Amino acid sequence: MIGPRAGTRVWLAAGVTDMRCGIDSLAAKVHTVLAEDPYAGHVFAFRGRRGDLIKLLWSDGDGMCLLTKRLERGRFIWPQADSGSVMLSVAQLSMLLEGIDWRRPERTWQPRAAA
């Protein structure tokens, strides 16, 4: 996944997911639990119980792709809901994958006041 295409939606599956699931099981969860089409080209993110492992599922038009990332330190920030999904922007997905709190990003600089 070099970068999502324009108009790509990113969905976080709320709650925890069994991280032993592969492409077929996760695509079935997208279809049945989230009521979305796993082959529509959107990105679907799943998080394990411990919070340090995330799986992204998406269809690139040629087939299904699965990306797995485990943080060495820290946890992925996830919604507190037990069911449903949350839509993110592509920028928020980038922050999520870096382990940054995508809900409240903070600037590292302050704009100067006009003199």
PDB file of N, CA and C in Angstrom:
ATOM      1  N   MET A   1       0.852  -1.174   0.000  1.00  0.00           N
ATOM      2  CA  MET A   1       0.000   0.000   0.000  1.00  0.00           C
ATOM      3  C   MET A   1       0.890   1.225   0.000  1.00  0.00           C
ATOM      4  N   ILE A   2       1.149   1.732  -1.169  1.00  0.00           N
ATOM      5  CA  ILE A   2       1.947   2.943  -1.291  1.00  0.00           C
ATOM      6  C   ILE A   2       1.141   4.134  -0.815  1.00  0.00           C
ATOM      7  N   GLY A   3      -0.082   4.209  -1.210  1.00  0.00           N
ATOM      8  CA  GLY A   3      -0.974   5.258  -0.774  1.00  0.00           C
ATOM      9  C   GLY A   3      -2.357   4.986  -1.312  1.00  0.00           C
ATOM     10  N   PRO A   4      -3.371   5.245  -0.507  1.00  0.00           N
ATOM     11  CA  PRO A   4      -4.736   4.999  -0.974  1.00  0.00           C
ATOM     12  C   PRO A   4      -5.111   5.924  -2.126  1.00  0.00           C
ATOM     13  N   ARG A   5      -5.966   5.445  -2.992  1.00  0.00           N
ATOM     14  CA  ARG A   5      -6.467   6.255  -4.094  1.00  0.00           C
ATOM     15  C   ARG A   5      -7.357   7.376  -3.550  1.00  0.00           C
ATOM     16  N   ALA A   6      -7.560   8.396  -4.358  1.00  0.00           N
ATOM     17  CA  ALA A   6      -8.442   9.494  -3.958  1.00  0.00           C
ATOM     18  C   ALA A   6      -9.849   8.950  -3.731  1.00  0.00           C
ATOM     19  N   GLY A   7     -10.493   9.398  -2.695  1.00  0.00           N
ATOM     20  CA  GLY A   7     -11.849   8.961  -2.387  1.00  0.00           C
ATOM     21  C   GLY A   7     -11.929   7.677  -1.582  1.00  0.00           C
ATOM     22  N   THR A   8     -10.781   7.146  -1.196  1.00  0.00           N
ATOM     23  CA  THR A   8     -10.773   5.921  -0.400  1.00  0.00           C
ATOM     24  C   THR A   8     -11.232   6.225   1.019  1.00  0.00           C
ATOM     25  N   ARG A   9     -12.127   5.415   1.515  1.00  0.00           N
ATOM     26  CA  ARG A   9     -12.574   5.549   2.904  1.00  0.00           C
ATOM     27  C   ARG A   9     -11.784   4.576   3.763  1.00  0.00           C
ATOM     28  N   VAL A  10     -11.579   4.963   5.012  1.00  0.00           N
ATOM     29  CA  VAL A  10     -10.879   4.118   5.976  1.00  0.00           C
ATOM     30  C   VAL A  10     -11.840   3.833   7.111  1.00  0.00           C
ATOM     31  N   TRP A  11     -12.100   2.573   7.368  1.00  0.00           N
ATOM     32  CA  TRP A  11     -13.031   2.162   8.420  1.00  0.00           C
ATOM     33  C   TRP A  11     -12.288   1.414   9.507  1.00  0.00           C
ATOM     34  N   LEU A  12     -12.479   1.839  10.762  1.00  0.00           N
ATOM     35  CA  LEU A  12     -11.970   1.102  11.914  1.00  0.00           C
ATOM     36  C   LEU A  12     -13.093   0.235  12.442  1.00  0.00           C
ATOM     37  N   ALA A  13     -12.840  -1.044  12.584  1.00  0.00           N
ATOM     38  CA  ALA A  13     -13.823  -1.942  13.182  1.00  0.00           C
ATOM     39  C   ALA A  13     -13.713  -1.800  14.695  1.00  0.00           C
ATOM     40  N   ALA A  14     -14.758  -1.276  15.329  1.00  0.00           N
ATOM     41  CA  ALA A  14     -14.737  -1.052  16.779  1.00  0.00           C
ATOM     42  C   ALA A  14     -14.664  -2.389  17.505  1.00  0.00           C
ATOM     43  N   GLY A  15     -14.152  -2.356  18.706  1.00  0.00           N
ATOM     44  CA  GLY A  15     -14.004  -3.580  19.488  1.00  0.00           C
ATOM     45  C   GLY A  15     -12.707  -4.288  19.136  1.00  0.00           C
ATOM     46  N   VAL A  16     -12.573  -5.512  19.617  1.00  0.00           N
ATOM     47  CA  VAL A  16     -11.369  -6.301  19.356  1.00  0.00           C
ATOM     48  C   VAL A  16     -11.673  -7.398  18.346  1.00  0.00           C
ATOM     49  N   THR A  17     -10.654  -7.776  17.609  1.00  0.00           N
ATOM     50  CA  THR A  17     -10.768  -8.804  16.585  1.00  0.00           C
ATOM     51  C   THR A  17      -9.741  -9.886  16.876  1.00  0.00           C
ATOM     52  N   ASP A  18     -10.090 -11.122  16.597  1.00  0.00           N
ATOM     53  CA  ASP A  18      -9.166 -12.240  16.725  1.00  0.00           C
ATOM     54  C   ASP A  18      -8.083 -12.067  15.670  1.00  0.00           C
ATOM     55  N   MET A  19      -6.862 -11.834  16.085  1.00  0.00           N
ATOM     56  CA  MET A  19      -5.781 -11.560  15.153  1.00  0.00           C
ATOM     57  C   MET A  19      -5.273 -12.813  14.437  1.00  0.00           C
ATOM     58  N   ARG A  20      -5.848 -13.962  14.723  1.00  0.00           N
ATOM     59  CA  ARG A  20      -5.524 -15.164  13.952  1.00  0.00           C
ATOM     60  C   ARG A  20      -6.254 -15.172  12.623  1.00  0.00           C
ATOM     61  N   CYS A  21      -7.231 -14.274  12.450  1.00  0.00           N
ATOM     62  CA  CYS A  21      -8.004 -14.205  11.197  1.00  0.00           C
ATOM     63  C   CYS A  21      -7.116 -13.798  10.035  1.00  0.00           C
ATOM     64  N   GLY A  22      -7.385 -14.389   8.893  1.00  0.00           N
ATOM     65  CA  GLY A  22      -6.676 -14.049   7.667  1.00  0.00           C
ATOM     66  C   GLY A  22      -7.563 -13.229   6.751  1.00  0.00           C
ATOM     67  N   ILE A  23      -7.179 -13.181   5.484  1.00  0.00           N
ATOM     68  CA  ILE A  23      -7.894 -12.362   4.506  1.00  0.00           C
ATOM     69  C   ILE A  23      -9.357 -12.770   4.396  1.00  0.00           C
ATOM     70  N   ASP A  24      -9.616 -14.054   4.228  1.00  0.00           N
ATOM     71  CA  ASP A  24     -10.995 -14.503   4.023  1.00  0.00           C
ATOM     72  C   ASP A  24     -11.874 -14.232   5.237  1.00  0.00           C
ATOM     73  N   SER A  25     -11.364 -14.493   6.435  1.00  0.00           N
ATOM     74  CA  SER A  25     -12.151 -14.267   7.654  1.00  0.00           C
ATOM     75  C   SER A  25     -12.423 -12.788   7.871  1.00  0.00           C
ATOM     76  N   LEU A  26     -11.423 -11.951   7.634  1.00  0.00           N
ATOM     77  CA  LEU A  26     -11.618 -10.513   7.810  1.00  0.00           C
ATOM     78  C   LEU A  26     -12.571  -9.952   6.763  1.00  0.00           C
ATOM     79  N   ALA A  27     -12.493 -10.442   5.518  1.00  0.00           N
ATOM     80  CA  ALA A  27     -13.433  -9.997   4.477  1.00  0.00           C
ATOM     81  C   ALA A  27     -14.856 -10.393   4.845  1.00  0.00           C
ATOM     82  N   ALA A  28     -15.027 -11.573   5.440  1.00  0.00           N
ATOM     83  CA  ALA A  28     -16.355 -11.998   5.883  1.00  0.00           C
ATOM     84  C   ALA A  28     -16.866 -11.095   7.002  1.00  0.00           C
ATOM     85  N   LYS A  29     -15.978 -10.683   7.922  1.00  0.00           N
ATOM     86  CA  LYS A  29     -16.378  -9.765   9.002  1.00  0.00           C
ATOM     87  C   LYS A  29     -16.799  -8.410   8.436  1.00  0.00           C
ATOM     88  N   VAL A  30     -16.077  -7.927   7.435  1.00  0.00           N
ATOM     89  CA  VAL A  30     -16.441  -6.661   6.800  1.00  0.00           C
ATOM     90  C   VAL A  30     -17.843  -6.757   6.218  1.00  0.00           C
ATOM     91  N   HIS A  31     -18.116  -7.861   5.560  1.00  0.00           N
ATOM     92  CA  HIS A  31     -19.412  -8.038   4.898  1.00  0.00           C
ATOM     93  C   HIS A  31     -20.552  -8.227   5.900  1.00  0.00           C
ATOM     94  N   THR A  32     -20.356  -9.082   6.908  1.00  0.00           N
ATOM     95  CA  THR A  32     -21.451  -9.407   7.826  1.00  0.00           C
ATOM     96  C   THR A  32     -21.588  -8.424   8.987  1.00  0.00           C
ATOM     97  N   VAL A  33     -20.486  -8.081   9.638  1.00  0.00           N
ATOM     98  CA  VAL A  33     -20.548  -7.241  10.837  1.00  0.00           C
ATOM     99  C   VAL A  33     -20.625  -5.750  10.482  1.00  0.00           C
ATOM    100  N   LEU A  34     -19.793  -5.305   9.547  1.00  0.00           N
ATOM    101  CA  LEU A  34     -19.769  -3.882   9.203  1.00  0.00           C
ATOM    102  C   LEU A  34     -20.754  -3.525   8.095  1.00  0.00           C
ATOM    103  N   ALA A  35     -21.318  -4.527   7.432  1.00  0.00           N
ATOM    104  CA  ALA A  35     -22.283  -4.334   6.330  1.00  0.00           C
ATOM    105  C   ALA A  35     -21.695  -3.483   5.210  1.00  0.00           C
ATOM    106  N   GLU A  36     -20.436  -3.732   4.887  1.00  0.00           N
ATOM    107  CA  GLU A  36     -19.745  -3.034   3.799  1.00  0.00           C
ATOM    108  C   GLU A  36     -19.242  -4.067   2.798  1.00  0.00           C
ATOM    109  N   ASP A  37     -18.913  -3.599   1.600  1.00  0.00           N
ATOM    110  CA  ASP A  37     -18.361  -4.463   0.564  1.00  0.00           C
ATOM    111  C   ASP A  37     -16.844  -4.486   0.693  1.00  0.00           C
ATOM    112  N   PRO A  38     -16.245  -5.626   1.034  1.00  0.00           N
ATOM    113  CA  PRO A  38     -14.790  -5.666   1.206  1.00  0.00           C
ATOM    114  C   PRO A  38     -14.021  -5.466  -0.096  1.00  0.00           C
ATOM    115  N   TYR A  39     -14.687  -5.568  -1.241  1.00  0.00           N
ATOM    116  CA  TYR A  39     -14.036  -5.440  -2.538  1.00  0.00           C
ATOM    117  C   TYR A  39     -14.232  -4.056  -3.161  1.00  0.00           C
ATOM    118  N   ALA A  40     -14.731  -3.089  -2.397  1.00  0.00           N
ATOM    119  CA  ALA A  40     -15.020  -1.749  -2.912  1.00  0.00           C
ATOM    120  C   ALA A  40     -13.775  -0.863  -2.997  1.00  0.00           C
ATOM    121  N   GLY A  41     -12.641  -1.325  -2.503  1.00  0.00           N
ATOM    122  CA  GLY A  41     -11.418  -0.535  -2.556  1.00  0.00           C
ATOM    123  C   GLY A  41     -11.157   0.302  -1.325  1.00  0.00           C
ATOM    124  N   HIS A  42     -12.003   0.180  -0.325  1.00  0.00           N
ATOM    125  CA  HIS A  42     -11.805   0.920   0.911  1.00  0.00           C
ATOM    126  C   HIS A  42     -10.896   0.130   1.849  1.00  0.00           C
ATOM    127  N   VAL A  43     -10.352   0.805   2.855  1.00  0.00           N
ATOM    128  CA  VAL A  43      -9.439   0.187   3.810  1.00  0.00           C
ATOM    129  C   VAL A  43     -10.206  -0.113   5.091  1.00  0.00           C
ATOM    130  N   PHE A  44     -10.047  -1.321   5.596  1.00  0.00           N
ATOM    131  CA  PHE A  44     -10.705  -1.746   6.832  1.00  0.00           C
ATOM    132  C   PHE A  44      -9.620  -2.131   7.833  1.00  0.00           C
ATOM    133  N   ALA A  45      -9.683  -1.536   9.023  1.00  0.00           N
ATOM    134  CA  ALA A  45      -8.661  -1.754  10.041  1.00  0.00           C
ATOM    135  C   ALA A  45      -9.243  -2.527  11.214  1.00  0.00           C
ATOM    136  N   PHE A  46      -8.446  -3.482  11.720  1.00  0.00           N
ATOM    137  CA  PHE A  46      -8.841  -4.332  12.840  1.00  0.00           C
ATOM    138  C   PHE A  46      -7.713  -4.329  13.863  1.00  0.00           C
ATOM    139  N   ARG A  47      -8.088  -4.361  15.139  1.00  0.00           N
ATOM    140  CA  ARG A  47      -7.108  -4.317  16.230  1.00  0.00           C
ATOM    141  C   ARG A  47      -7.312  -5.499  17.151  1.00  0.00           C
ATOM    142  N   GLY A  48      -6.204  -6.047  17.659  1.00  0.00           N
ATOM    143  CA  GLY A  48      -6.256  -7.157  18.598  1.00  0.00           C
ATOM    144  C   GLY A  48      -6.531  -6.698  20.018  1.00  0.00           C
ATOM    145  N   ARG A  49      -6.671  -7.665  20.905  1.00  0.00           N
ATOM    146  CA  ARG A  49      -7.015  -7.382  22.301  1.00  0.00           C
ATOM    147  C   ARG A  49      -5.942  -6.569  23.022  1.00  0.00           C
ATOM    148  N   ARG A  50      -4.668  -6.901  22.824  1.00  0.00           N
ATOM    149  CA  ARG A  50      -3.595  -6.188  23.517  1.00  0.00           C
ATOM    150  C   ARG A  50      -3.389  -4.779  22.989  1.00  0.00           C
ATOM    151  N   GLY A  51      -3.788  -4.529  21.749  1.00  0.00           N
ATOM    152  CA  GLY A  51      -3.708  -3.182  21.209  1.00  0.00           C
ATOM    153  C   GLY A  51      -2.410  -2.840  20.511  1.00  0.00           C
ATOM    154  N   ASP A  52      -1.458  -3.772  20.471  1.00  0.00           N
ATOM    155  CA  ASP A  52      -0.191  -3.468  19.818  1.00  0.00           C
ATOM    156  C   ASP A  52      -0.111  -4.029  18.392  1.00  0.00           C
ATOM    157  N   LEU A  53      -1.171  -4.706  17.935  1.00  0.00           N
ATOM    158  CA  LEU A  53      -1.205  -5.307  16.611  1.00  0.00           C
ATOM    159  C   LEU A  53      -2.422  -4.805  15.842  1.00  0.00           C
ATOM    160  N   ILE A  54      -2.203  -4.441  14.587  1.00  0.00           N
ATOM    161  CA  ILE A  54      -3.285  -3.960  13.738  1.00  0.00           C
ATOM    162  C   ILE A  54      -3.179  -4.669  12.395  1.00  0.00           C
ATOM    163  N   LYS A  55      -4.336  -4.929  11.780  1.00  0.00           N
ATOM    164  CA  LYS A  55      -4.389  -5.499  10.439  1.00  0.00           C
ATOM    165  C   LYS A  55      -5.258  -4.596   9.572  1.00  0.00           C
ATOM    166  N   LEU A  56      -4.760  -4.292   8.361  1.00  0.00           N
ATOM    167  CA  LEU A  56      -5.498  -3.512   7.384  1.00  0.00           C
ATOM    168  C   LEU A  56      -5.836  -4.408   6.207  1.00  0.00           C
ATOM    169  N   LEU A  57      -7.077  -4.355   5.782  1.00  0.00           N
ATOM    170  CA  LEU A  57      -7.556  -5.154   4.662  1.00  0.00           C
ATOM    171  C   LEU A  57      -8.100  -4.219   3.601  1.00  0.00           C
ATOM    172  N   TRP A  58      -7.709  -4.424   2.338  1.00  0.00           N
ATOM    173  CA  TRP A  58      -8.267  -3.635   1.250  1.00  0.00           C
ATOM    174  C   TRP A  58      -8.109  -4.390  -0.056  1.00  0.00           C
ATOM    175  N   SER A  59      -8.934  -4.032  -1.008  1.00  0.00           N
ATOM    176  CA  SER A  59      -8.867  -4.611  -2.343  1.00  0.00           C
ATOM    177  C   SER A  59      -8.274  -3.561  -3.274  1.00  0.00           C
ATOM    178  N   ASP A  60      -7.226  -3.932  -4.003  1.00  0.00           N
ATOM    179  CA  ASP A  60      -6.584  -2.981  -4.910  1.00  0.00           C
ATOM    180  C   ASP A  60      -7.050  -3.134  -6.355  1.00  0.00           C
ATOM    181  N   GLY A  61      -8.072  -3.937  -6.577  1.00  0.00           N
ATOM    182  CA  GLY A  61      -8.581  -4.153  -7.915  1.00  0.00           C
ATOM    183  C   GLY A  61      -8.077  -5.446  -8.530  1.00  0.00           C
ATOM    184  N   ASP A  62      -6.875  -5.879  -8.135  1.00  0.00           N
ATOM    185  CA  ASP A  62      -6.315  -7.142  -8.619  1.00  0.00           C
ATOM    186  C   ASP A  62      -6.517  -8.269  -7.629  1.00  0.00           C
ATOM    187  N   GLY A  63      -6.717  -7.926  -6.361  1.00  0.00           N
ATOM    188  CA  GLY A  63      -6.880  -8.922  -5.314  1.00  0.00           C
ATOM    189  C   GLY A  63      -6.952  -8.253  -3.958  1.00  0.00           C
ATOM    190  N   MET A  64      -7.088  -9.073  -2.927  1.00  0.00           N
ATOM    191  CA  MET A  64      -7.151  -8.554  -1.559  1.00  0.00           C
ATOM    192  C   MET A  64      -5.741  -8.422  -0.996  1.00  0.00           C
ATOM    193  N   CYS A  65      -5.523  -7.366  -0.226  1.00  0.00           N
ATOM    194  CA  CYS A  65      -4.239  -7.105   0.411  1.00  0.00           C
ATOM    195  C   CYS A  65      -4.432  -7.104   1.924  1.00  0.00           C
ATOM    196  N   LEU A  66      -3.434  -7.569   2.628  1.00  0.00           N
ATOM    197  CA  LEU A  66      -3.472  -7.585   4.088  1.00  0.00           C
ATOM    198  C   LEU A  66      -2.138  -7.066   4.613  1.00  0.00           C
ATOM    199  N   LEU A  67      -2.210  -6.002   5.397  1.00  0.00           N
ATOM    200  CA  LEU A  67      -1.023  -5.440   6.024  1.00  0.00           C
ATOM    201  C   LEU A  67      -1.144  -5.668   7.516  1.00  0.00           C
ATOM    202  N   THR A  68      -0.080  -6.136   8.124  1.00  0.00           N
ATOM    203  CA  THR A  68      -0.043  -6.333   9.573  1.00  0.00           C
ATOM    204  C   THR A  68       1.073  -5.478  10.140  1.00  0.00           C
ATOM    205  N   LYS A  69       0.784  -4.755  11.230  1.00  0.00           N
ATOM    206  CA  LYS A  69       1.807  -3.964  11.895  1.00  0.00           C
ATOM    207  C   LYS A  69       1.705  -4.172  13.398  1.00  0.00           C
ATOM    208  N   ARG A  70       2.857  -4.391  14.011  1.00  0.00           N
ATOM    209  CA  ARG A  70       2.937  -4.528  15.463  1.00  0.00           C
ATOM    210  C   ARG A  70       3.858  -3.430  15.985  1.00  0.00           C
ATOM    211  N   LEU A  71       3.386  -2.686  16.972  1.00  0.00           N
ATOM    212  CA  LEU A  71       4.207  -1.653  17.593  1.00  0.00           C
ATOM    213  C   LEU A  71       5.135  -2.296  18.620  1.00  0.00           C
ATOM    214  N   GLU A  72       6.377  -1.884  18.606  1.00  0.00           N
ATOM    215  CA  GLU A  72       7.340  -2.388  19.593  1.00  0.00           C
ATOM    216  C   GLU A  72       7.046  -1.822  20.981  1.00  0.00           C
ATOM    217  N   ARG A  73       6.616  -0.559  21.015  1.00  0.00           N
ATOM    218  CA  ARG A  73       6.233   0.086  22.269  1.00  0.00           C
ATOM    219  C   ARG A  73       4.942   0.829  22.028  1.00  0.00           C
ATOM    220  N   GLY A  74       4.086   0.877  23.014  1.00  0.00           N
ATOM    221  CA  GLY A  74       2.846   1.622  22.909  1.00  0.00           C
ATOM    222  C   GLY A  74       1.708   0.794  22.347  1.00  0.00           C
ATOM    223  N   ARG A  75       0.574   1.453  22.159  1.00  0.00           N
ATOM    224  CA  ARG A  75      -0.647   0.807  21.683  1.00  0.00           C
ATOM    225  C   ARG A  75      -1.280   1.674  20.598  1.00  0.00           C
ATOM    226  N   PHE A  76      -2.026   1.040  19.714  1.00  0.00           N
ATOM    227  CA  PHE A  76      -2.799   1.768  18.721  1.00  0.00           C
ATOM    228  C   PHE A  76      -4.024   2.368  19.401  1.00  0.00           C
ATOM    229  N   ILE A  77      -4.317   3.634  19.103  1.00  0.00           N
ATOM    230  CA  ILE A  77      -5.482   4.321  19.666  1.00  0.00           C
ATOM    231  C   ILE A  77      -6.717   3.824  18.935  1.00  0.00           C
ATOM    232  N   TRP A  78      -7.728   3.383  19.688  1.00  0.00           N
ATOM    233  CA  TRP A  78      -8.921   2.764  19.101  1.00  0.00           C
ATOM    234  C   TRP A  78     -10.170   3.309  19.759  1.00  0.00           C
ATOM    235  N   PRO A  79     -11.296   3.356  19.049  1.00  0.00           N
ATOM    236  CA  PRO A  79     -12.553   3.809  19.659  1.00  0.00           C
ATOM    237  C   PRO A  79     -12.971   2.886  20.806  1.00  0.00           C
ATOM    238  N   GLN A  80     -13.678   3.422  21.775  1.00  0.00           N
ATOM    239  CA  GLN A  80     -14.095   2.650  22.944  1.00  0.00           C
ATOM    240  C   GLN A  80     -15.343   1.805  22.692  1.00  0.00           C
ATOM    241  N   ALA A  81     -16.030   2.011  21.583  1.00  0.00           N
ATOM    242  CA  ALA A  81     -17.268   1.273  21.295  1.00  0.00           C
ATOM    243  C   ALA A  81     -16.986  -0.217  21.134  1.00  0.00           C
ATOM    244  N   ASP A  82     -17.977  -1.036  21.477  1.00  0.00           N
ATOM    245  CA  ASP A  82     -17.840  -2.490  21.356  1.00  0.00           C
ATOM    246  C   ASP A  82     -18.228  -3.001  19.977  1.00  0.00           C
ATOM    247  N   SER A  83     -19.029  -2.247  19.253  1.00  0.00           N
ATOM    248  CA  SER A  83     -19.469  -2.697  17.931  1.00  0.00           C
ATOM    249  C   SER A  83     -19.584  -1.512  16.992  1.00  0.00           C
ATOM    250  N   GLY A  84     -19.717  -1.798  15.712  1.00  0.00           N
ATOM    251  CA  GLY A  84     -19.836  -0.749  14.719  1.00  0.00           C
ATOM    252  C   GLY A  84     -18.490  -0.398  14.119  1.00  0.00           C
ATOM    253  N   SER A  85     -18.442   0.774  13.494  1.00  0.00           N
ATOM    254  CA  SER A  85     -17.206   1.204  12.854  1.00  0.00           C
ATOM    255  C   SER A  85     -17.087   2.720  12.929  1.00  0.00           C
ATOM    256  N   VAL A  86     -15.873   3.193  12.715  1.00  0.00           N
ATOM    257  CA  VAL A  86     -15.578   4.618  12.722  1.00  0.00           C
ATOM    258  C   VAL A  86     -14.829   4.916  11.424  1.00  0.00           C
ATOM    259  N   MET A  87     -15.218   5.986  10.734  1.00  0.00           N
ATOM    260  CA  MET A  87     -14.537   6.350   9.499  1.00  0.00           C
ATOM    261  C   MET A  87     -13.440   7.363   9.800  1.00  0.00           C
ATOM    262  N   LEU A  88     -12.260   7.136   9.215  1.00  0.00           N
ATOM    263  CA  LEU A  88     -11.118   8.034   9.362  1.00  0.00           C
ATOM    264  C   LEU A  88     -10.742   8.618   8.009  1.00  0.00           C
ATOM    265  N   SER A  89      -9.990   9.707   8.044  1.00  0.00           N
ATOM    266  CA  SER A  89      -9.398  10.233   6.822  1.00  0.00           C
ATOM    267  C   SER A  89      -8.084   9.485   6.580  1.00  0.00           C
ATOM    268  N   VAL A  90      -7.535   9.638   5.400  1.00  0.00           N
ATOM    269  CA  VAL A  90      -6.259   8.995   5.084  1.00  0.00           C
ATOM    270  C   VAL A  90      -5.158   9.556   5.984  1.00  0.00           C
ATOM    271  N   ALA A  91      -5.218  10.853   6.302  1.00  0.00           N
ATOM    272  CA  ALA A  91      -4.231  11.461   7.202  1.00  0.00           C
ATOM    273  C   ALA A  91      -4.323  10.852   8.597  1.00  0.00           C
ATOM    274  N   GLN A  92      -5.539  10.627   9.083  1.00  0.00           N
ATOM    275  CA  GLN A  92      -5.710  10.010  10.396  1.00  0.00           C
ATOM    276  C   GLN A  92      -5.186   8.573  10.385  1.00  0.00           C
ATOM    277  N   LEU A  93      -5.369   7.853   9.277  1.00  0.00           N
ATOM    278  CA  LEU A  93      -4.819   6.497   9.170  1.00  0.00           C
ATOM    279  C   LEU A  93      -3.301   6.531   9.262  1.00  0.00           C
ATOM    280  N   SER A  94      -2.675   7.501   8.617  1.00  0.00           N
ATOM    281  CA  SER A  94      -1.216   7.626   8.695  1.00  0.00           C
ATOM    282  C   SER A  94      -0.760   7.842  10.130  1.00  0.00           C
ATOM    283  N   MET A  95      -1.482   8.691  10.860  1.00  0.00           N
ATOM    284  CA  MET A  95      -1.137   8.918  12.266  1.00  0.00           C
ATOM    285  C   MET A  95      -1.343   7.653  13.082  1.00  0.00           C
ATOM    286  N   LEU A  96      -2.446   6.955  12.845  1.00  0.00           N
ATOM    287  CA  LEU A  96      -2.732   5.709  13.555  1.00  0.00           C
ATOM    288  C   LEU A  96      -1.605   4.715  13.369  1.00  0.00           C
ATOM    289  N   LEU A  97      -1.143   4.540  12.132  1.00  0.00           N
ATOM    290  CA  LEU A  97      -0.083   3.573  11.847  1.00  0.00           C
ATOM    291  C   LEU A  97       1.246   3.948  12.483  1.00  0.00           C
ATOM    292  N   GLU A  98       1.442   5.230  12.773  1.00  0.00           N
ATOM    293  CA  GLU A  98       2.663   5.676  13.445  1.00  0.00           C
ATOM    294  C   GLU A  98       2.535   5.623  14.965  1.00  0.00           C
ATOM    295  N   GLY A  99       1.364   5.248  15.479  1.00  0.00           N
ATOM    296  CA  GLY A  99       1.164   5.190  16.917  1.00  0.00           C
ATOM    297  C   GLY A  99       0.796   6.533  17.525  1.00  0.00           C
ATOM    298  N   ILE A 100       0.396   7.486  16.691  1.00  0.00           N
ATOM    299  CA  ILE A 100       0.017   8.833  17.153  1.00  0.00           C
ATOM    300  C   ILE A 100      -1.475   8.843  17.455  1.00  0.00           C
ATOM    301  N   ASP A 101      -1.867   9.585  18.481  1.00  0.00           N
ATOM    302  CA  ASP A 101      -3.279   9.714  18.819  1.00  0.00           C
ATOM    303  C   ASP A 101      -3.968  10.539  17.735  1.00  0.00           C
ATOM    304  N   TRP A 102      -4.667   9.879  16.833  1.00  0.00           N
ATOM    305  CA  TRP A 102      -5.312  10.522  15.684  1.00  0.00           C
ATOM    306  C   TRP A 102      -6.533  11.341  16.083  1.00  0.00           C
ATOM    307  N   ARG A 103      -7.024  11.164  17.315  1.00  0.00           N
ATOM    308  CA  ARG A 103      -8.209  11.900  17.755  1.00  0.00           C
ATOM    309  C   ARG A 103      -7.890  13.343  18.109  1.00  0.00           C
ATOM    310  N   ARG A 104      -6.670  13.582  18.632  1.00  0.00           N
ATOM    311  CA  ARG A 104      -6.273  14.926  19.066  1.00  0.00           C
ATOM    312  C   ARG A 104      -4.840  15.237  18.622  1.00  0.00           C
ATOM    313  N   PRO A 105      -4.608  15.338  17.333  1.00  0.00           N
ATOM    314  CA  PRO A 105      -3.236  15.668  16.913  1.00  0.00           C
ATOM    315  C   PRO A 105      -2.892  17.088  17.339  1.00  0.00           C
ATOM    316  N   GLU A 106      -1.662  17.284  17.736  1.00  0.00           N
ATOM    317  CA  GLU A 106      -1.217  18.604  18.180  1.00  0.00           C
ATOM    318  C   GLU A 106      -0.091  19.095  17.288  1.00  0.00           C
ATOM    319  N   ARG A 107      -0.102  20.377  17.032  1.00  0.00           N
ATOM    320  CA  ARG A 107       0.981  20.975  16.258  1.00  0.00           C
ATOM    321  C   ARG A 107       2.241  21.020  17.111  1.00  0.00           C
ATOM    322  N   THR A 108       3.366  20.894  16.457  1.00  0.00           N
ATOM    323  CA  THR A 108       4.634  20.984  17.180  1.00  0.00           C
ATOM    324  C   THR A 108       5.182  22.403  17.147  1.00  0.00           C
ATOM    325  N   TRP A 109       4.495  23.307  16.468  1.00  0.00           N
ATOM    326  CA  TRP A 109       4.907  24.694  16.402  1.00  0.00           C
ATOM    327  C   TRP A 109       3.698  25.568  16.628  1.00  0.00           C
ATOM    328  N   GLN A 110       3.957  26.774  17.049  1.00  0.00           N
ATOM    329  CA  GLN A 110       2.889  27.745  17.270  1.00  0.00           C
ATOM    330  C   GLN A 110       3.013  28.859  16.230  1.00  0.00           C
ATOM    331  N   PRO A 111       1.924  29.196  15.556  1.00  0.00           N
ATOM    332  CA  PRO A 111       2.015  30.301  14.593  1.00  0.00           C
ATOM    333  C   PRO A 111       2.344  31.612  15.300  1.00  0.00           C
ATOM    334  N   ARG A 112       3.119  32.438  14.648  1.00  0.00           N
ATOM    335  CA  ARG A 112       3.483  33.727  15.235  1.00  0.00           C
ATOM    336  C   ARG A 112       2.325  34.693  15.137  1.00  0.00           C
ATOM    337  N   ALA A 113       2.185  35.484  16.166  1.00  0.00           N
ATOM    338  CA  ALA A 113       1.161  36.541  16.153  1.00  0.00           C
ATOM    339  C   ALA A 113       1.640  37.673  15.260  1.00  0.00           C
ATOM    340  N   ALA A 114       0.687  38.293  14.585  1.00  0.00           N
ATOM    341  CA  ALA A 114       1.037  39.429  13.709  1.00  0.00           C
ATOM    342  C   ALA A 114       1.559  40.582  14.552  1.00  0.00           C
ATOM    343  N   ALA A 115       2.681  41.132  14.135  1.00  0.00           N
ATOM    344  CA  ALA A 115       3.309  42.222  14.907  1.00  0.00           C
ATOM    345  C   ALA A 115       2.774  43.576  14.547  1.00  0.00           C
TER     346      ALA A 115
END
